[in-house]
Every structure is written in structure tokens, then in C-alpha cells.
């Protein structure tokens, strides 16, 4: 975080937005696919450039889901959330690489 009572720094806010947006989209897609999700967590990480603006060059989203979920349907849903629905990710510069992985418990 940005320190005492300072909230998020801009790059942290970007990661948080991507996590929130993609998670909401992911849950909606899985619900339409009749997948039973009882819990979801997401961890984000980003690699920054050495430029003065320190923009991200790579972002990774790691989803941890609990429930009765088909890995094939989950992979498809994550791909859709990241490439077609999440406005926070779609608004990124095209050079920023977004990757993902998951774990089903």
C-alpha cells in the first residue's frame, strides 16, 4: 500500500482493478456454465519497466478456486475474461503481456 492513510499507489491500483474486474467476469461466465464455485481468491503480480514511469511490462493473475469446476471450462472462462470482457485489462497498452494460471481446490 501507499503508506499510512495514503491508499493505493497507481500501479497497485491498476493490479487491483484487473483482479476485481477479471474475477467478476470469471464468476459470471462460470455461473452460466453451471460450474459450482464456493470460493475464489486471486493473487496478482507485475513486472515493471526501468523507465521513469515504471509502467508494467508483464502482469500475472493467479486464480485459486474452490468448488466443483471443470478445468477445461475454467481455462476457457479465464481466457474470455482476460481477452474479451475485463475492461481494466482491455484498456492496457498492447505491449503489456497478461498471463494467468489457476488452482482448483
C-alpha atoms as a PDB file:
ATOM      1  CA  UNK A   1       0.000   0.000   0.000  1.00  0.00           C
ATOM      2  CA  UNK A   2       0.967   3.614  -0.257  1.00  0.00           C
ATOM      3  CA  UNK A   3       1.679   4.087   3.427  1.00  0.00           C
ATOM      4  CA  UNK A   4      -0.366   5.351   6.318  1.00  0.00           C
ATOM      5  CA  UNK A   5      -3.736   6.644   5.073  1.00  0.00           C
ATOM      6  CA  UNK A   6      -2.459   7.082   1.518  1.00  0.00           C
ATOM      7  CA  UNK A   7      -4.379   4.280  -0.164  1.00  0.00           C
ATOM      8  CA  UNK A   8      -3.138   2.555  -3.291  1.00  0.00           C
ATOM      9  CA  UNK A   9      -0.284   3.750  -5.437  1.00  0.00           C
ATOM     10  CA  UNK A  10      -1.203   3.995  -9.152  1.00  0.00           C
ATOM     11  CA  UNK A  11       0.425   0.706 -10.172  1.00  0.00           C
ATOM     12  CA  UNK A  12      -1.115  -1.137  -7.214  1.00  0.00           C
ATOM     13  CA  UNK A  13      -4.484   0.339  -8.149  1.00  0.00           C
ATOM     14  CA  UNK A  14      -4.047  -0.996 -11.682  1.00  0.00           C
ATOM     15  CA  UNK A  15      -3.383  -4.540 -10.387  1.00  0.00           C
ATOM     16  CA  UNK A  16      -6.326  -4.307  -8.007  1.00  0.00           C
ATOM     17  CA  UNK A  17      -8.626  -3.172 -10.818  1.00  0.00           C
ATOM     18  CA  UNK A  18      -7.547  -6.037 -13.048  1.00  0.00           C
ATOM     19  CA  UNK A  19      -8.082  -8.541 -10.239  1.00  0.00           C
ATOM     20  CA  UNK A  20     -11.544  -7.220  -9.391  1.00  0.00           C
ATOM     21  CA  UNK A  21     -12.747  -6.884 -12.962  1.00  0.00           C
ATOM     22  CA  UNK A  22     -11.484 -10.248 -14.170  1.00  0.00           C
ATOM     23  CA  UNK A  23     -12.824 -12.055 -11.081  1.00  0.00           C
ATOM     24  CA  UNK A  24     -16.333 -10.653 -11.551  1.00  0.00           C
ATOM     25  CA  UNK A  25     -16.306 -11.593 -15.230  1.00  0.00           C
ATOM     26  CA  UNK A  26     -14.888 -15.030 -14.453  1.00  0.00           C
ATOM     27  CA  UNK A  27     -17.598 -15.783 -11.882  1.00  0.00           C
ATOM     28  CA  UNK A  28     -20.361 -14.702 -14.256  1.00  0.00           C
ATOM     29  CA  UNK A  29     -19.003 -16.903 -17.043  1.00  0.00           C
ATOM     30  CA  UNK A  30     -18.633 -19.914 -14.729  1.00  0.00           C
ATOM     31  CA  UNK A  31     -22.167 -19.400 -13.411  1.00  0.00           C
ATOM     32  CA  UNK A  32     -23.515 -19.504 -16.988  1.00  0.00           C
ATOM     33  CA  UNK A  33     -21.530 -22.722 -17.497  1.00  0.00           C
ATOM     34  CA  UNK A  34     -23.210 -24.172 -14.374  1.00  0.00           C
ATOM     35  CA  UNK A  35     -19.921 -24.556 -12.506  1.00  0.00           C
ATOM     36  CA  UNK A  36     -20.203 -24.535  -8.700  1.00  0.00           C
ATOM     37  CA  UNK A  37     -17.740 -22.053  -7.205  1.00  0.00           C
ATOM     38  CA  UNK A  38     -17.808 -21.815  -3.417  1.00  0.00           C
ATOM     39  CA  UNK A  39     -14.747 -19.578  -3.014  1.00  0.00           C
ATOM     40  CA  UNK A  40     -12.365 -17.595  -5.181  1.00  0.00           C
ATOM     41  CA  UNK A  41      -9.119 -15.759  -4.484  1.00  0.00           C
ATOM     42  CA  UNK A  42      -6.807 -14.010  -6.867  1.00  0.00           C
ATOM     43  CA  UNK A  43      -3.182 -13.065  -6.482  1.00  0.00           C
ATOM     44  CA  UNK A  44      -1.618 -10.536  -8.822  1.00  0.00           C
ATOM     45  CA  UNK A  45       1.937  -9.678  -9.669  1.00  0.00           C
ATOM     46  CA  UNK A  46       3.520  -7.341 -12.137  1.00  0.00           C
ATOM     47  CA  UNK A  47       6.934  -6.733 -13.580  1.00  0.00           C
ATOM     48  CA  UNK A  48       7.801  -3.085 -14.153  1.00  0.00           C
ATOM     49  CA  UNK A  49       9.952  -1.472 -16.791  1.00  0.00           C
ATOM     50  CA  UNK A  50      13.033   0.533 -15.890  1.00  0.00           C
ATOM     51  CA  UNK A  51      11.530   3.712 -17.381  1.00  0.00           C
ATOM     52  CA  UNK A  52      10.875   6.689 -15.099  1.00  0.00           C
ATOM     53  CA  UNK A  53       7.127   5.966 -15.280  1.00  0.00           C
ATOM     54  CA  UNK A  54       7.792   2.356 -14.215  1.00  0.00           C
ATOM     55  CA  UNK A  55       4.876   1.011 -16.202  1.00  0.00           C
ATOM     56  CA  UNK A  56       4.166  -2.703 -16.146  1.00  0.00           C
ATOM     57  CA  UNK A  57       5.611  -4.863 -18.889  1.00  0.00           C
ATOM     58  CA  UNK A  58       4.100  -8.119 -17.590  1.00  0.00           C
ATOM     59  CA  UNK A  59       1.152  -8.872 -15.324  1.00  0.00           C
ATOM     60  CA  UNK A  60       0.246 -12.289 -13.922  1.00  0.00           C
ATOM     61  CA  UNK A  61      -3.132 -13.249 -12.464  1.00  0.00           C
ATOM     62  CA  UNK A  62      -3.237 -16.379 -10.298  1.00  0.00           C
ATOM     63  CA  UNK A  63      -6.761 -17.642  -9.561  1.00  0.00           C
ATOM     64  CA  UNK A  64      -7.446 -20.012  -6.657  1.00  0.00           C
ATOM     65  CA  UNK A  65     -10.925 -21.508  -6.808  1.00  0.00           C
ATOM     66  CA  UNK A  66     -12.782 -23.919  -4.568  1.00  0.00           C
ATOM     67  CA  UNK A  67     -15.725 -25.893  -5.874  1.00  0.00           C
ATOM     68  CA  UNK A  68     -16.850 -28.361  -8.492  1.00  0.00           C
ATOM     69  CA  UNK A  69     -15.226 -26.822 -11.547  1.00  0.00           C
ATOM     70  CA  UNK A  70     -14.121 -28.380 -14.813  1.00  0.00           C
ATOM     71  CA  UNK A  71     -10.552 -27.337 -15.610  1.00  0.00           C
ATOM     72  CA  UNK A  72     -11.447 -27.086 -19.326  1.00  0.00           C
ATOM     73  CA  UNK A  73     -14.353 -24.747 -18.607  1.00  0.00           C
ATOM     74  CA  UNK A  74     -12.238 -22.742 -16.177  1.00  0.00           C
ATOM     75  CA  UNK A  75      -9.445 -22.270 -18.717  1.00  0.00           C
ATOM     76  CA  UNK A  76     -11.975 -21.140 -21.309  1.00  0.00           C
ATOM     77  CA  UNK A  77     -13.645 -18.756 -18.832  1.00  0.00           C
ATOM     78  CA  UNK A  78     -10.316 -17.222 -17.766  1.00  0.00           C
ATOM     79  CA  UNK A  79      -9.370 -16.698 -21.409  1.00  0.00           C
ATOM     80  CA  UNK A  80     -12.701 -14.979 -22.131  1.00  0.00           C
ATOM     81  CA  UNK A  81     -12.485 -12.803 -19.016  1.00  0.00           C
ATOM     82  CA  UNK A  82      -8.963 -11.645 -19.848  1.00  0.00           C
ATOM     83  CA  UNK A  83      -9.220 -11.243 -23.626  1.00  0.00           C
ATOM     84  CA  UNK A  84     -12.823 -10.099 -24.174  1.00  0.00           C
ATOM     85  CA  UNK A  85     -14.587  -8.837 -21.050  1.00  0.00           C
ATOM     86  CA  UNK A  86     -12.361  -7.241 -18.408  1.00  0.00           C
ATOM     87  CA  UNK A  87     -12.250  -3.539 -19.267  1.00  0.00           C
ATOM     88  CA  UNK A  88      -9.319  -2.950 -16.909  1.00  0.00           C
ATOM     89  CA  UNK A  89      -7.205  -5.415 -18.880  1.00  0.00           C
ATOM     90  CA  UNK A  90      -8.520  -4.371 -22.288  1.00  0.00           C
ATOM     91  CA  UNK A  91      -7.532  -0.770 -21.560  1.00  0.00           C
ATOM     92  CA  UNK A  92      -3.868  -1.701 -21.041  1.00  0.00           C
ATOM     93  CA  UNK A  93      -1.228  -0.815 -23.587  1.00  0.00           C
ATOM     94  CA  UNK A  94      -0.965  -3.667 -26.129  1.00  0.00           C
ATOM     95  CA  UNK A  95       2.702  -4.252 -25.221  1.00  0.00           C
ATOM     96  CA  UNK A  96       1.793  -5.291 -21.664  1.00  0.00           C
ATOM     97  CA  UNK A  97       1.727  -9.091 -21.504  1.00  0.00           C
ATOM     98  CA  UNK A  98      -1.046 -10.514 -19.286  1.00  0.00           C
ATOM     99  CA  UNK A  99      -0.693 -14.150 -18.233  1.00  0.00           C
ATOM    100  CA  UNK A 100      -2.709 -16.310 -15.886  1.00  0.00           C
ATOM    101  CA  UNK A 101      -2.673 -19.579 -14.026  1.00  0.00           C
ATOM    102  CA  UNK A 102      -5.073 -21.280 -11.643  1.00  0.00           C
ATOM    103  CA  UNK A 103      -5.545 -23.851  -8.952  1.00  0.00           C
ATOM    104  CA  UNK A 104      -8.758 -25.735  -8.178  1.00  0.00           C
ATOM    105  CA  UNK A 105      -9.227 -26.965  -4.623  1.00  0.00           C
END
